[in-house]
N, C-alpha and C. Protein backbone atom coordinates (compact mmCIF):
# COMPACT_ATOMS: atom_id res chain seq x y z
N UNK A 1 41.00 138.81 21.70
CA UNK A 1 42.05 138.07 21.47
C UNK A 1 43.09 139.23 22.27
N UNK A 2 44.87 138.44 22.48
CA UNK A 2 45.52 138.73 22.38
C UNK A 2 46.21 139.63 21.92
N UNK A 3 47.67 141.03 22.59
CA UNK A 3 48.10 141.68 21.65
C UNK A 3 49.22 140.97 20.42
N UNK A 4 49.46 139.34 21.17
CA UNK A 4 50.19 139.63 20.15
C UNK A 4 49.27 138.53 18.76
N UNK A 5 48.36 137.33 18.76
CA UNK A 5 47.43 137.48 17.89
C UNK A 5 47.42 138.85 16.73
N UNK A 6 47.25 139.91 17.84
CA UNK A 6 46.27 141.29 17.35
C UNK A 6 47.67 141.64 16.46
N UNK A 7 48.62 141.43 16.42
CA UNK A 7 49.70 142.11 16.21
C UNK A 7 50.13 141.70 14.73
N UNK A 8 49.90 140.01 14.65
CA UNK A 8 50.33 139.35 13.47
C UNK A 8 49.03 139.00 12.91
N UNK A 9 47.77 139.48 12.58
CA UNK A 9 46.52 139.76 12.04
C UNK A 9 47.52 140.99 11.25
N UNK A 10 46.88 142.22 12.40
CA UNK A 10 47.06 143.34 11.76
C UNK A 10 48.65 143.21 10.53
N UNK A 11 49.42 142.89 10.60
CA UNK A 11 50.82 142.19 10.20
C UNK A 11 50.29 141.92 8.75
N UNK A 12 49.98 140.66 9.00
CA UNK A 12 49.43 139.97 7.79
C UNK A 12 48.41 140.25 6.65
N UNK A 13 47.70 141.31 7.04
CA UNK A 13 46.72 142.29 6.41
C UNK A 13 47.69 143.48 5.64
N UNK A 14 48.69 143.89 6.49
CA UNK A 14 49.13 144.72 5.90
C UNK A 14 50.33 144.78 5.12
N UNK A 15 50.87 142.64 5.28
CA UNK A 15 51.46 142.82 4.09
C UNK A 15 50.73 142.25 2.71
N UNK A 16 49.57 141.96 3.33
CA UNK A 16 48.66 141.80 1.63
C UNK A 16 49.08 142.88 0.31
N UNK A 17 49.33 143.89 0.85
CA UNK A 17 49.63 144.99 0.25
C UNK A 17 51.13 145.08 -1.25
N UNK A 18 51.39 143.67 -0.36
CA UNK A 18 53.00 144.43 -0.72
C UNK A 18 53.19 143.41 -2.07
N UNK A 19 53.04 143.52 -3.36
CA UNK A 19 52.99 143.03 -4.51
C UNK A 19 54.02 141.67 -4.33
N UNK A 20 55.03 142.47 -4.81
CA UNK A 20 56.60 141.05 -4.78
C UNK A 20 56.64 140.06 -3.69
N UNK A 21 56.54 139.17 -4.25
CA UNK A 21 56.54 137.84 -3.14
C UNK A 21 58.16 137.68 -2.34
N UNK A 22 59.08 138.22 -2.66
CA UNK A 22 60.66 138.04 -2.26
C UNK A 22 60.62 139.54 -1.33
N UNK A 23 60.22 140.75 -1.71
CA UNK A 23 59.50 141.52 -0.92
C UNK A 23 58.76 141.40 0.67
N UNK A 24 57.91 140.83 0.16
CA UNK A 24 56.89 140.40 1.34
C UNK A 24 57.66 139.15 2.42
N UNK A 25 57.88 138.40 1.89
CA UNK A 25 58.67 137.47 2.44
C UNK A 25 59.57 138.07 3.61
N UNK A 26 60.65 138.62 2.92
CA UNK A 26 61.18 139.76 3.79
C UNK A 26 60.50 140.49 4.77
N UNK A 27 59.18 141.21 4.22
CA UNK A 27 59.22 142.07 5.50
C UNK A 27 58.03 140.98 6.80
N UNK A 28 57.39 139.96 6.68
CA UNK A 28 57.79 138.93 7.25
C UNK A 28 58.09 138.73 7.98
N UNK A 29 59.22 138.26 7.52
CA UNK A 29 60.17 138.05 8.66
C UNK A 29 60.86 139.13 9.29
N UNK A 30 60.73 140.12 9.21
CA UNK A 30 61.07 141.43 9.76
C UNK A 30 60.67 141.41 10.59
N UNK A 31 59.04 141.23 10.56
CA UNK A 31 58.04 141.72 11.10
C UNK A 31 57.77 140.75 12.26
N UNK A 32 58.19 139.74 12.03
CA UNK A 32 58.37 138.55 13.56
C UNK A 32 59.39 138.41 14.14
N UNK A 33 60.79 139.02 13.18
CA UNK A 33 61.60 139.19 13.95
C UNK A 33 61.60 140.24 15.01
N UNK A 34 60.78 140.90 14.73
CA UNK A 34 60.80 142.53 15.63
C UNK A 34 59.59 141.71 16.76
N UNK A 35 58.71 141.32 16.17
CA UNK A 35 57.17 140.68 17.60
C UNK A 35 58.24 140.03 18.57
N UNK A 36 59.26 139.63 17.39
CA UNK A 36 59.61 138.26 19.06
C UNK A 36 60.54 138.91 19.68
N UNK A 37 61.81 140.02 19.30
CA UNK A 37 62.34 140.55 20.31
C UNK A 37 61.46 141.58 21.36
N UNK A 38 60.40 141.88 20.88
CA UNK A 38 59.76 142.70 22.06
C UNK A 38 59.59 142.09 23.07
N UNK A 39 58.31 140.64 22.30
CA UNK A 39 58.30 140.02 23.62
C UNK A 39 59.17 139.41 24.67
N UNK A 40 60.44 139.05 23.95
CA UNK A 40 61.78 138.70 25.03
C UNK A 40 61.69 139.76 25.20
N UNK A 41 62.16 141.04 25.21
CA UNK A 41 62.19 142.23 26.01
C UNK A 41 61.29 142.36 26.98
N UNK A 42 60.12 142.36 26.70
CA UNK A 42 58.72 142.59 27.89
C UNK A 42 59.13 141.47 28.76
N UNK A 43 59.37 139.97 28.39
CA UNK A 43 59.38 138.79 29.31
C UNK A 43 61.08 139.58 30.46
N UNK A 44 61.91 140.13 29.96
CA UNK A 44 62.87 140.86 30.74
C UNK A 44 62.84 141.51 31.37
N UNK A 45 61.79 142.10 31.06
CA UNK A 45 61.49 143.34 31.84
C UNK A 45 60.62 143.39 33.09
N UNK A 46 59.96 141.76 32.58
CA UNK A 46 58.45 141.33 34.01
C UNK A 46 60.06 140.41 34.81
N UNK A 47 60.75 139.59 34.39
CA UNK A 47 61.62 138.76 35.53
C UNK A 47 62.34 139.78 35.83
N UNK A 48 62.71 141.07 35.87
CA UNK A 48 63.72 142.10 36.66
C UNK A 48 62.76 142.10 37.79
N UNK A 49 61.45 142.62 37.78
CA UNK A 49 60.44 143.10 38.43
C UNK A 49 60.55 142.14 39.41
N UNK A 50 59.84 140.86 38.89
CA UNK A 50 59.98 140.43 39.81
C UNK A 50 60.69 139.68 40.91
N UNK A 51 62.18 139.91 40.02
CA UNK A 51 63.30 139.97 41.02
C UNK A 51 63.67 140.85 41.95
N UNK A 52 63.19 142.07 41.88
CA UNK A 52 62.76 143.09 42.92
C UNK A 52 62.18 142.91 43.97
N UNK A 53 61.17 142.58 43.35
CA UNK A 53 59.83 142.52 44.42
C UNK A 53 60.52 141.23 45.51
N UNK A 54 60.53 139.68 44.71
CA UNK A 54 60.81 139.00 45.04
C UNK A 54 61.94 139.28 46.63
N UNK A 55 63.44 140.30 46.22
CA UNK A 55 64.35 140.44 47.48
C UNK A 55 63.47 141.71 47.90
N UNK A 56 62.60 142.48 48.23
CA UNK A 56 61.84 143.64 49.23
C UNK A 56 61.78 142.98 50.20
N UNK A 57 62.16 143.01 51.04
CA UNK A 57 62.03 143.28 53.00
C UNK A 57 60.53 142.99 53.33
N UNK A 58 59.20 144.15 53.15
CA UNK A 58 58.45 144.35 53.47
C UNK A 58 57.37 142.29 52.29
N UNK A 59 56.77 141.96 53.35
CA UNK A 59 55.72 140.56 52.63
C UNK A 59 55.13 141.37 52.19
N UNK A 60 54.93 142.39 52.49
CA UNK A 60 53.31 142.39 51.74
C UNK A 60 53.72 142.84 50.00
N UNK A 61 55.36 142.64 49.80
CA UNK A 61 56.25 143.16 48.53
C UNK A 61 56.26 142.40 48.20
N UNK A 62 57.40 141.09 48.74
CA UNK A 62 57.74 139.31 48.37
C UNK A 62 57.42 138.85 48.87
N UNK A 63 55.97 138.75 49.76
CA UNK A 63 55.02 137.43 49.15
C UNK A 63 53.30 137.19 49.13
N UNK A 64 53.33 138.43 48.49
CA UNK A 64 52.25 138.05 47.38
C UNK A 64 51.83 136.69 46.38
N UNK A 65 53.25 136.60 45.58
CA UNK A 65 52.77 135.77 44.68
C UNK A 65 53.31 133.80 45.72
N UNK A 66 53.44 133.97 46.76
CA UNK A 66 53.56 132.81 47.63
C UNK A 66 52.09 132.68 48.80
N UNK A 67 51.78 133.74 48.59
CA UNK A 67 50.34 133.79 49.31
C UNK A 67 49.15 133.93 48.13
N UNK A 68 49.06 134.05 46.91
CA UNK A 68 48.74 133.47 46.22
C UNK A 68 48.44 132.44 45.55
N UNK A 69 49.78 131.73 45.74
CA UNK A 69 50.23 130.18 45.43
C UNK A 69 49.60 129.32 46.66
N UNK A 70 49.79 129.94 47.58
CA UNK A 70 48.42 128.92 48.92
C UNK A 70 46.86 128.84 49.09
N UNK A 71 46.62 130.66 47.81
CA UNK A 71 45.24 130.71 48.32
C UNK A 71 44.78 129.47 46.99
N UNK A 72 45.44 129.76 46.35
CA UNK A 72 45.36 128.17 44.77
C UNK A 72 45.04 126.78 45.33
N UNK A 73 45.82 126.48 46.49
CA UNK A 73 46.51 125.05 46.99
C UNK A 73 45.38 125.06 47.61
N UNK A 74 44.88 125.61 48.70
CA UNK A 74 44.00 125.73 49.44
C UNK A 74 42.53 125.87 48.37
N UNK A 75 42.69 126.57 47.74
CA UNK A 75 41.41 126.40 46.69
C UNK A 75 40.95 125.05 46.28
N UNK A 76 42.09 124.13 45.59
CA UNK A 76 41.89 123.04 44.77
C UNK A 76 41.71 122.07 46.09
N UNK A 77 42.29 122.02 47.18
CA UNK A 77 42.03 121.08 48.25
C UNK A 77 41.14 121.49 48.80
N UNK A 78 40.17 122.02 48.52
CA UNK A 78 39.02 122.68 48.86
C UNK A 78 37.69 121.79 48.18
N UNK A 79 38.33 122.61 47.05
CA UNK A 79 37.13 121.99 45.61
C UNK A 79 36.82 120.75 45.10
N UNK A 80 38.19 120.27 45.22
CA UNK A 80 38.80 118.06 45.12
C UNK A 80 38.64 117.30 45.95
N UNK A 81 39.09 117.88 47.08
CA UNK A 81 39.42 117.17 48.38
C UNK A 81 38.47 116.94 50.04
N UNK A 82 38.04 118.72 50.39
CA UNK A 82 37.19 118.75 51.40
C UNK A 82 35.85 118.78 51.00
N UNK A 83 35.56 119.35 50.07
CA UNK A 83 34.07 119.68 49.53
C UNK A 83 33.54 118.12 49.76
N UNK A 84 33.72 117.59 48.40
CA UNK A 84 33.72 116.44 48.69
C UNK A 84 32.91 115.78 49.47
N UNK A 85 34.82 114.88 50.12
CA UNK A 85 34.71 114.50 51.52
C UNK A 85 33.40 114.96 52.67
N UNK A 86 33.05 116.01 52.95
CA UNK A 86 31.95 116.47 53.69
C UNK A 86 30.88 116.61 53.19
N UNK A 87 30.46 116.86 52.22
CA UNK A 87 29.61 116.97 51.43
C UNK A 87 28.62 115.63 51.76
N UNK A 88 29.77 114.67 51.54
CA UNK A 88 29.53 113.07 51.76
C UNK A 88 29.20 112.38 52.83
N UNK A 89 29.91 113.17 54.64
CA UNK A 89 29.90 113.10 55.46
C UNK A 89 28.28 114.08 56.08
N UNK A 90 28.28 115.25 55.33
CA UNK A 90 27.08 115.60 55.98
C UNK A 90 25.77 114.39 55.45
N UNK A 91 26.16 114.64 54.30
CA UNK A 91 24.87 113.81 54.00
C UNK A 91 24.50 112.45 54.72
N UNK A 92 25.47 111.86 54.60
CA UNK A 92 25.20 110.40 55.52
C UNK A 92 24.26 110.54 57.16
N UNK A 93 25.16 112.19 57.72
CA UNK A 93 24.77 112.56 59.02
C UNK A 93 23.41 113.41 58.80
N UNK A 94 22.48 113.24 57.90
CA UNK A 94 21.60 113.94 57.67
C UNK A 94 21.36 115.62 58.08
N UNK A 95 22.83 116.18 57.55
CA UNK A 95 22.93 117.91 57.54
C UNK A 95 22.12 118.30 55.97
N UNK A 96 21.70 119.28 56.07
CA UNK A 96 21.27 118.80 54.70
C UNK A 96 21.53 120.72 54.02
N UNK A 97 22.65 120.93 55.31
CA UNK A 97 22.95 122.90 54.23
C UNK A 97 23.70 122.36 53.74
N UNK A 98 24.06 123.23 52.83
CA UNK A 98 25.31 122.95 51.43
C UNK A 98 26.02 124.19 51.46
N UNK A 99 27.03 123.24 51.35
CA UNK A 99 28.76 124.25 51.51
C UNK A 99 29.13 124.96 50.19
N UNK A 100 29.62 125.84 50.79
CA UNK A 100 30.23 127.42 49.76
C UNK A 100 30.79 126.24 49.01
N UNK A 101 30.71 126.58 47.53
CA UNK A 101 31.85 126.31 46.21
C UNK A 101 32.38 127.08 45.30
N UNK A 102 33.57 126.98 45.05
CA UNK A 102 34.43 127.50 44.46
C UNK A 102 34.68 127.41 43.14
N UNK A 103 34.68 128.26 42.14
CA UNK A 103 34.22 127.87 40.93
C UNK A 103 35.79 127.93 40.63
N UNK A 104 35.98 127.11 39.89
CA UNK A 104 37.50 126.18 39.98
C UNK A 104 37.88 126.83 38.56
N UNK A 105 36.86 126.89 37.73
CA UNK A 105 37.33 127.48 36.29
C UNK A 105 38.24 128.56 36.91
N UNK A 106 37.96 129.66 37.18
CA UNK A 106 39.15 131.00 37.92
C UNK A 106 40.25 130.06 38.49
N UNK A 107 39.53 129.37 39.61
CA UNK A 107 41.18 128.89 40.40
C UNK A 107 41.95 127.85 39.88
N UNK A 108 41.67 127.66 38.36
CA UNK A 108 42.00 127.02 37.44
C UNK A 108 43.21 127.71 36.49
N UNK A 109 42.90 128.76 36.18
CA UNK A 109 43.10 129.89 34.87
C UNK A 109 44.85 130.74 36.06
N UNK A 110 44.27 131.20 37.28
CA UNK A 110 44.97 131.64 38.09
C UNK A 110 46.05 130.78 38.54
N UNK A 111 45.48 129.62 38.85
CA UNK A 111 47.13 128.40 38.96
C UNK A 111 47.89 128.50 37.52
N UNK A 112 46.95 128.29 36.28
CA UNK A 112 48.30 128.20 35.38
C UNK A 112 48.75 129.05 34.86
N UNK A 113 48.34 130.19 35.16
CA UNK A 113 49.37 131.48 34.84
C UNK A 113 50.41 131.37 36.28
N UNK A 114 50.45 131.32 37.50
CA UNK A 114 51.32 131.20 37.99
C UNK A 114 52.53 129.85 37.72
N UNK A 115 51.91 128.79 37.04
CA UNK A 115 52.52 127.82 36.87
C UNK A 115 53.42 128.00 35.50
N UNK A 116 52.78 128.71 34.33
CA UNK A 116 53.45 129.09 33.73
C UNK A 116 55.04 130.49 33.63
N UNK A 117 53.84 131.00 34.69
CA UNK A 117 55.86 131.83 35.18
C UNK A 117 56.52 130.43 35.52
N UNK A 118 56.53 129.34 36.33
CA UNK A 118 57.14 128.78 37.40
C UNK A 118 58.11 127.71 35.95
N UNK A 119 56.93 127.39 34.95
CA UNK A 119 57.61 126.86 33.79
C UNK A 119 59.10 127.77 32.69
N UNK A 120 58.75 128.76 32.82
CA UNK A 120 59.35 129.72 32.01
C UNK A 120 60.61 129.66 32.94
N UNK A 121 60.47 129.74 34.04
CA UNK A 121 61.82 130.07 34.97
C UNK A 121 62.87 128.31 35.04
N UNK A 122 61.81 127.28 35.25
CA UNK A 122 62.25 125.70 35.04
C UNK A 122 62.95 125.97 33.50
N UNK A 123 62.69 126.95 32.34
CA UNK A 123 63.38 126.89 30.87
C UNK A 123 64.44 127.91 31.20
N UNK A 124 64.56 128.40 31.53
CA UNK A 124 65.82 129.35 32.14
C UNK A 124 67.15 128.38 32.84
N UNK A 125 66.73 127.65 33.61
CA UNK A 125 67.57 126.77 34.18
C UNK A 125 68.42 126.13 33.24
N UNK A 126 67.03 124.70 32.69
CA UNK A 126 67.71 124.06 32.01
C UNK A 126 68.42 124.82 30.86
N UNK A 127 68.37 125.96 30.09
CA UNK A 127 69.32 126.42 29.52
C UNK A 127 70.46 126.95 29.89
N UNK A 128 70.88 126.74 31.14
CA UNK A 128 72.02 127.31 32.59
C UNK A 128 72.31 128.90 32.08
N UNK A 129 70.65 129.48 32.15
CA UNK A 129 70.40 131.12 33.02
C UNK A 129 70.14 131.46 33.82
N UNK A 130 69.92 130.41 34.75
CA UNK A 130 69.29 130.29 35.83
C UNK A 130 70.61 130.43 37.19
N UNK A 131 71.22 131.52 38.12
CA UNK A 131 71.88 131.19 38.48
C UNK A 131 71.60 129.82 39.71
């Protein structure tokens, strides 16, 4: 369970101890507002870290995200293009050696995480908050 779901679940359990419906609704609103504020602050902190990393002179600091992006692109190229074509070619040629396979579930999870950050950046641009 992710931290947000855990916090909401715990908060809902604690809200169950408030008997007055009006006070309970007020406390629930305050809890969700505080959680949202914490999430926004965490996102801002990560965004600042990303900016500092991207501006760094060393390729080992600034280049790790693009490197992972290229690894993911190669992995998808291998999984969905090269592996099937080479397997077919090898089968037609009579070669029986199996080709290595990539666990595309993990690859997809990594790529979606990276694209999710890209989507947040697109949202910033859409709201006019990007340079």
